[in-house]
């Protein structure tokens, strides 16, 4: 995933979404654990934005940030607790600043 500097491709964030094979449903008060293996291009340290959000759009059900991204492959973990129940949902990973992950 790559986010340009905004001068050539517009402003905002760039990301990828995963709605799962058969959809996702997040439930209020439940904690979900994201485990992911990532590496970043040299010079990019993050953060990587992580959101659990309605597949149809709207405000996130839960969100967090992954810091300390490095140029070698590493495992990361983030716990997210849903503030409300919504379905269908998706996992969204975004770069809020220029960089490559």
Protein backbone atom coordinates (compact mmCIF):
# COMPACT_ATOMS: atom_id res chain seq x y z
CA UNK A 1 0.00 0.00 0.00
CA UNK A 2 1.40 3.40 -0.93
CA UNK A 3 0.23 6.92 -0.15
CA UNK A 4 1.61 9.74 -2.26
CA UNK A 5 2.48 13.18 -0.88
CA UNK A 6 -0.88 14.70 -1.78
CA UNK A 7 0.49 17.08 -4.41
CA UNK A 8 0.10 14.60 -7.24
CA UNK A 9 -2.76 12.36 -6.10
CA UNK A 10 -4.97 14.47 -3.87
CA UNK A 11 -5.29 14.80 -0.11
CA UNK A 12 -6.64 12.38 2.49
CA UNK A 13 -5.77 8.84 3.41
CA UNK A 14 -5.13 5.75 1.31
CA UNK A 15 -6.05 2.33 2.56
CA UNK A 16 -7.28 -1.18 2.02
CA UNK A 17 -10.46 -2.79 3.31
CA UNK A 18 -11.34 -6.41 4.04
CA UNK A 19 -14.97 -7.45 4.46
CA UNK A 20 -14.14 -11.12 5.05
CA UNK A 21 -15.30 -14.16 3.10
CA UNK A 22 -18.81 -14.17 4.53
CA UNK A 23 -18.94 -10.69 6.01
CA UNK A 24 -17.99 -9.41 9.43
CA UNK A 25 -20.14 -8.43 12.38
CA UNK A 26 -18.77 -6.54 15.37
CA UNK A 27 -20.64 -6.54 18.68
CA UNK A 28 -20.72 -3.79 21.30
CA UNK A 29 -18.29 -4.41 24.15
CA UNK A 30 -16.45 -7.24 22.39
CA UNK A 31 -12.69 -6.95 21.99
CA UNK A 32 -11.13 -7.94 18.66
CA UNK A 33 -7.42 -8.62 18.22
CA UNK A 34 -5.69 -7.69 14.97
CA UNK A 35 -2.49 -9.62 14.32
CA UNK A 36 -0.63 -8.59 11.21
CA UNK A 37 2.85 -8.92 9.73
CA UNK A 38 4.05 -5.69 8.10
CA UNK A 39 7.10 -3.91 6.86
CA UNK A 40 7.43 -0.28 5.89
CA UNK A 41 9.57 1.40 3.29
CA UNK A 42 12.72 3.00 4.68
CA UNK A 43 11.92 6.26 6.41
CA UNK A 44 8.25 5.54 7.12
CA UNK A 45 7.51 4.99 10.81
CA UNK A 46 3.73 5.24 10.76
CA UNK A 47 1.34 5.33 12.24
CA UNK A 48 -0.89 2.89 10.43
CA UNK A 49 -4.56 3.62 11.10
CA UNK A 50 -6.72 0.59 11.91
CA UNK A 51 -10.51 0.83 11.94
CA UNK A 52 -13.44 -1.51 12.36
CA UNK A 53 -16.19 0.24 10.45
CA UNK A 54 -19.56 -0.32 8.79
CA UNK A 55 -19.13 -1.72 5.27
CA UNK A 56 -21.62 0.88 4.04
CA UNK A 57 -19.67 3.80 5.52
CA UNK A 58 -20.18 5.90 8.61
CA UNK A 59 -18.30 6.37 11.84
CA UNK A 60 -15.95 3.59 13.04
CA UNK A 61 -17.07 0.97 15.53
CA UNK A 62 -13.49 0.91 16.90
CA UNK A 63 -10.16 2.40 15.87
CA UNK A 64 -6.51 2.41 16.84
CA UNK A 65 -3.00 3.18 15.61
CA UNK A 66 0.04 0.99 15.00
CA UNK A 67 3.31 2.82 15.65
CA UNK A 68 6.95 1.87 15.18
CA UNK A 69 6.70 0.34 11.72
CA UNK A 70 10.12 -0.77 10.51
CA UNK A 71 11.72 -1.66 7.18
CA UNK A 72 12.00 -5.35 8.12
CA UNK A 73 9.08 -7.76 8.47
CA UNK A 74 7.65 -7.67 12.01
CA UNK A 75 4.54 -8.92 13.77
CA UNK A 76 2.16 -6.35 15.26
CA UNK A 77 -0.88 -6.72 17.46
CA UNK A 78 -3.66 -4.29 18.32
CA UNK A 79 -6.76 -4.79 20.46
CA UNK A 80 -9.92 -2.96 19.42
CA UNK A 81 -13.16 -2.87 21.45
CA UNK A 82 -16.41 -2.23 19.58
CA UNK A 83 -18.46 0.71 20.87
CA UNK A 84 -21.65 -0.51 19.17
CA UNK A 85 -23.03 -3.47 17.23
CA UNK A 86 -23.14 -3.12 13.46
CA UNK A 87 -23.31 -5.52 10.52
CA UNK A 88 -22.04 -5.83 7.86
CA UNK A 89 -18.64 -4.48 8.82
CA UNK A 90 -15.10 -4.36 7.50
CA UNK A 91 -11.51 -4.00 8.64
CA UNK A 92 -9.82 -0.91 7.19
CA UNK A 93 -6.08 -0.14 7.24
CA UNK A 94 -5.00 3.34 6.16
CA UNK A 95 -1.92 5.52 5.74
CA UNK A 96 -2.76 9.06 6.90
CA UNK A 97 0.54 10.42 5.58
CA UNK A 98 2.79 9.74 2.58
CA UNK A 99 4.59 6.43 2.77
CA UNK A 100 4.67 2.78 1.74
CA UNK A 101 3.74 -0.26 3.85
